[in-house]
Amino acid sequence: MWHIWSGINFDLVPYKANTCIIRGYDDIQATLDEHLVNTQVIQFSAFKKPFETEIIEWYGKLKMVSDVMEEWMKCQGNWMYLQPIFDSGDISKQLPAESKKFRTVDNVWKGNINLAKQVMNVMEVCCV
């Protein structure tokens, strides 16, 4: 599993506003689900004792990746919906407080995407 995750990278595609979006969530999620189940099976093995610490740490990493990917998927969908709305000058003038909140989220999103673009490896990025 370690070897497989060392080769799983984000599939980033350019998106307007000088940023990228993540594509291929389903492929990552399929591998993640399989490895979570396999790790749970190993946790219940009678022969796990010498590797127990590594198994627990590995399961924690997989769970972290799962949680981060789930939140990123939701955030990306909402961000893609709201980004063109709040890029409109009229909306920014009519809803200044909401526009400010969106700019904060926009900056965090772009920062995370830039990190993903630099590192590329899903496990490394999600466990930061």
C-alpha atoms as a PDB file:
ATOM      1  CA  MET A   1       0.000   0.000   0.000  1.00  0.00           C
ATOM      2  CA  TRP A   2       2.863   2.403   0.799  1.00  0.00           C
ATOM      3  CA  HIS A   3       4.301   1.852  -2.639  1.00  0.00           C
ATOM      4  CA  ILE A   4       0.952   2.469  -4.329  1.00  0.00           C
ATOM      5  CA  TRP A   5       0.379   5.743  -2.439  1.00  0.00           C
ATOM      6  CA  SER A   6       3.826   7.020  -3.351  1.00  0.00           C
ATOM      7  CA  GLY A   7       2.580   7.081  -6.960  1.00  0.00           C
ATOM      8  CA  ILE A   8      -0.889   8.548  -6.436  1.00  0.00           C
ATOM      9  CA  ASN A   9      -0.782  12.188  -7.433  1.00  0.00           C
ATOM     10  CA  PHE A  10      -3.402  14.860  -7.835  1.00  0.00           C
ATOM     11  CA  ASP A  11      -4.802  15.336 -11.317  1.00  0.00           C
ATOM     12  CA  LEU A  12      -4.946  19.117 -11.514  1.00  0.00           C
ATOM     13  CA  VAL A  13      -6.481  20.902 -14.462  1.00  0.00           C
ATOM     14  CA  PRO A  14      -6.206  24.633 -15.122  1.00  0.00           C
ATOM     15  CA  TYR A  15      -9.228  26.667 -14.161  1.00  0.00           C
ATOM     16  CA  LYS A  16     -10.010  30.334 -14.641  1.00  0.00           C
ATOM     17  CA  ALA A  17      -8.631  32.930 -12.219  1.00  0.00           C
ATOM     18  CA  ASN A  18      -5.091  31.533 -12.481  1.00  0.00           C
ATOM     19  CA  THR A  19      -5.705  28.421 -10.444  1.00  0.00           C
ATOM     20  CA  CYS A  20      -6.429  24.736 -10.871  1.00  0.00           C
ATOM     21  CA  ILE A  21      -9.096  22.302  -9.795  1.00  0.00           C
ATOM     22  CA  ILE A  22      -8.733  18.686  -8.759  1.00  0.00           C
ATOM     23  CA  ARG A  23     -10.073  16.026 -11.061  1.00  0.00           C
ATOM     24  CA  GLY A  24     -10.181  12.270 -10.482  1.00  0.00           C
ATOM     25  CA  TYR A  25     -11.624  12.157  -6.956  1.00  0.00           C
ATOM     26  CA  ASP A  26     -13.375   8.888  -7.749  1.00  0.00           C
ATOM     27  CA  ASP A  27     -10.156   7.053  -8.630  1.00  0.00           C
ATOM     28  CA  ILE A  28      -8.446   8.239  -5.464  1.00  0.00           C
ATOM     29  CA  GLN A  29     -11.504   7.387  -3.382  1.00  0.00           C
ATOM     30  CA  ALA A  30     -11.717   3.864  -4.812  1.00  0.00           C
ATOM     31  CA  THR A  31      -8.086   3.153  -3.873  1.00  0.00           C
ATOM     32  CA  LEU A  32      -8.604   4.797  -0.501  1.00  0.00           C
ATOM     33  CA  ASP A  33     -11.689   2.725   0.313  1.00  0.00           C
ATOM     34  CA  GLU A  34      -9.902  -0.495  -0.656  1.00  0.00           C
ATOM     35  CA  HIS A  35      -6.865   0.341   1.470  1.00  0.00           C
ATOM     36  CA  LEU A  36      -8.954   1.391   4.463  1.00  0.00           C
ATOM     37  CA  VAL A  37     -10.757  -1.958   4.387  1.00  0.00           C
ATOM     38  CA  ASN A  38      -7.488  -3.862   3.954  1.00  0.00           C
ATOM     39  CA  THR A  39      -5.904  -1.995   6.855  1.00  0.00           C
ATOM     40  CA  GLN A  40      -8.905  -2.717   9.079  1.00  0.00           C
ATOM     41  CA  VAL A  41      -8.593  -6.404   8.215  1.00  0.00           C
ATOM     42  CA  ILE A  42      -4.900  -6.305   9.140  1.00  0.00           C
ATOM     43  CA  GLN A  43      -5.777  -4.599  12.452  1.00  0.00           C
ATOM     44  CA  PHE A  44      -7.815  -7.651  13.432  1.00  0.00           C
ATOM     45  CA  SER A  45      -5.127 -10.138  12.459  1.00  0.00           C
ATOM     46  CA  ALA A  46      -3.706 -12.384  15.148  1.00  0.00           C
ATOM     47  CA  PHE A  47      -0.223 -11.755  13.692  1.00  0.00           C
ATOM     48  CA  LYS A  48      -0.274  -7.952  13.851  1.00  0.00           C
ATOM     49  CA  LYS A  49       1.645  -7.467  17.110  1.00  0.00           C
ATOM     50  CA  PRO A  50       5.128  -6.716  15.656  1.00  0.00           C
ATOM     51  CA  PHE A  51       3.575  -4.176  13.252  1.00  0.00           C
ATOM     52  CA  GLU A  52       0.800  -2.776  15.440  1.00  0.00           C
ATOM     53  CA  THR A  53       2.219   0.751  15.729  1.00  0.00           C
ATOM     54  CA  GLU A  54       2.802   1.005  11.986  1.00  0.00           C
ATOM     55  CA  ILE A  55      -0.678  -0.327  11.251  1.00  0.00           C
ATOM     56  CA  ILE A  56      -2.313   2.214  13.564  1.00  0.00           C
ATOM     57  CA  GLU A  57      -0.275   5.078  12.079  1.00  0.00           C
ATOM     58  CA  TRP A  58      -1.049   3.943   8.531  1.00  0.00           C
ATOM     59  CA  TYR A  59      -4.770   3.710   9.256  1.00  0.00           C
ATOM     60  CA  GLY A  60      -4.640   7.218  10.732  1.00  0.00           C
ATOM     61  CA  LYS A  61      -2.982   8.547   7.576  1.00  0.00           C
ATOM     62  CA  LEU A  62      -5.539   6.860   5.345  1.00  0.00           C
ATOM     63  CA  LYS A  63      -8.371   8.246   7.460  1.00  0.00           C
ATOM     64  CA  MET A  64      -6.812  11.724   7.276  1.00  0.00           C
ATOM     65  CA  VAL A  65      -6.592  11.507   3.482  1.00  0.00           C
ATOM     66  CA  SER A  66     -10.213  10.362   3.371  1.00  0.00           C
ATOM     67  CA  ASP A  67     -11.409  13.253   5.529  1.00  0.00           C
ATOM     68  CA  VAL A  68      -9.359  15.872   3.664  1.00  0.00           C
ATOM     69  CA  MET A  69     -10.421  14.621   0.235  1.00  0.00           C
ATOM     70  CA  GLU A  70     -14.081  14.621   1.263  1.00  0.00           C
ATOM     71  CA  GLU A  71     -13.866  18.218   2.485  1.00  0.00           C
ATOM     72  CA  TRP A  72     -11.861  19.346  -0.539  1.00  0.00           C
ATOM     73  CA  MET A  73     -14.445  17.844  -2.873  1.00  0.00           C
ATOM     74  CA  LYS A  74     -17.231  19.757  -1.126  1.00  0.00           C
ATOM     75  CA  CYS A  75     -15.181  22.947  -0.962  1.00  0.00           C
ATOM     76  CA  GLN A  76     -14.192  22.753  -4.614  1.00  0.00           C
ATOM     77  CA  GLY A  77     -17.802  22.342  -5.715  1.00  0.00           C
ATOM     78  CA  ASN A  78     -18.944  25.300  -3.627  1.00  0.00           C
ATOM     79  CA  TRP A  79     -15.952  27.402  -4.655  1.00  0.00           C
ATOM     80  CA  MET A  80     -16.568  26.728  -8.365  1.00  0.00           C
ATOM     81  CA  TYR A  81     -20.200  27.749  -7.916  1.00  0.00           C
ATOM     82  CA  LEU A  82     -19.478  30.916  -5.938  1.00  0.00           C
ATOM     83  CA  GLN A  83     -16.291  32.115  -7.640  1.00  0.00           C
ATOM     84  CA  PRO A  84     -17.962  33.620 -10.747  1.00  0.00           C
ATOM     85  CA  ILE A  85     -20.660  35.204  -8.589  1.00  0.00           C
ATOM     86  CA  PHE A  86     -18.245  36.989  -6.288  1.00  0.00           C
ATOM     87  CA  ASP A  87     -15.929  37.969  -9.143  1.00  0.00           C
ATOM     88  CA  SER A  88     -18.751  40.165 -10.372  1.00  0.00           C
ATOM     89  CA  GLY A  89     -18.224  43.781  -9.385  1.00  0.00           C
ATOM     90  CA  ASP A  90     -21.942  44.314  -8.758  1.00  0.00           C
ATOM     91  CA  ILE A  91     -22.149  41.511  -6.215  1.00  0.00           C
ATOM     92  CA  SER A  92     -19.052  42.757  -4.403  1.00  0.00           C
ATOM     93  CA  LYS A  93     -20.652  46.178  -4.011  1.00  0.00           C
ATOM     94  CA  GLN A  94     -24.034  44.807  -2.941  1.00  0.00           C
ATOM     95  CA  LEU A  95     -22.658  42.220  -0.516  1.00  0.00           C
ATOM     96  CA  PRO A  96     -19.344  43.589   0.820  1.00  0.00           C
ATOM     97  CA  ALA A  97     -19.243  41.434   3.983  1.00  0.00           C
ATOM     98  CA  GLU A  98     -19.975  38.233   2.071  1.00  0.00           C
ATOM     99  CA  SER A  99     -17.468  39.214  -0.619  1.00  0.00           C
ATOM    100  CA  LYS A 100     -14.797  39.664   2.025  1.00  0.00           C
ATOM    101  CA  LYS A 101     -15.585  36.229   3.486  1.00  0.00           C
ATOM    102  CA  PHE A 102     -15.427  34.683   0.033  1.00  0.00           C
ATOM    103  CA  ARG A 103     -12.060  36.327  -0.683  1.00  0.00           C
ATOM    104  CA  THR A 104     -10.739  34.739   2.509  1.00  0.00           C
ATOM    105  CA  VAL A 105     -11.984  31.308   1.423  1.00  0.00           C
ATOM    106  CA  ASP A 106     -10.689  31.961  -2.094  1.00  0.00           C
ATOM    107  CA  ASN A 107      -7.197  32.699  -0.767  1.00  0.00           C
ATOM    108  CA  VAL A 108      -7.186  29.555   1.393  1.00  0.00           C
ATOM    109  CA  TRP A 109      -8.439  27.451  -1.520  1.00  0.00           C
ATOM    110  CA  LYS A 110      -5.801  28.813  -3.892  1.00  0.00           C
ATOM    111  CA  GLY A 111      -3.099  28.289  -1.266  1.00  0.00           C
ATOM    112  CA  ASN A 112      -4.096  24.654  -0.835  1.00  0.00           C
ATOM    113  CA  ILE A 113      -4.236  24.105  -4.594  1.00  0.00           C
ATOM    114  CA  ASN A 114      -0.785  25.679  -4.975  1.00  0.00           C
ATOM    115  CA  LEU A 115       0.531  23.287  -2.315  1.00  0.00           C
ATOM    116  CA  ALA A 116      -1.049  20.376  -4.180  1.00  0.00           C
ATOM    117  CA  LYS A 117       0.499  21.630  -7.426  1.00  0.00           C
ATOM    118  CA  GLN A 118       3.970  21.842  -5.864  1.00  0.00           C
ATOM    119  CA  VAL A 119       3.939  18.531  -3.967  1.00  0.00           C
ATOM    120  CA  MET A 120       1.487  16.578  -6.177  1.00  0.00           C
ATOM    121  CA  ASN A 121       1.438  13.442  -3.994  1.00  0.00           C
ATOM    122  CA  VAL A 122      -2.010  12.978  -2.441  1.00  0.00           C
ATOM    123  CA  MET A 123      -0.754  11.379   0.793  1.00  0.00           C
ATOM    124  CA  GLU A 124       1.857  14.068   1.417  1.00  0.00           C
ATOM    125  CA  VAL A 125      -0.490  16.986   0.732  1.00  0.00           C
ATOM    126  CA  CYS A 126      -3.413  15.617   2.746  1.00  0.00           C
ATOM    127  CA  CYS A 127      -1.254  14.828   5.768  1.00  0.00           C
ATOM    128  CA  VAL A 128       0.254  18.334   6.032  1.00  0.00           C
END
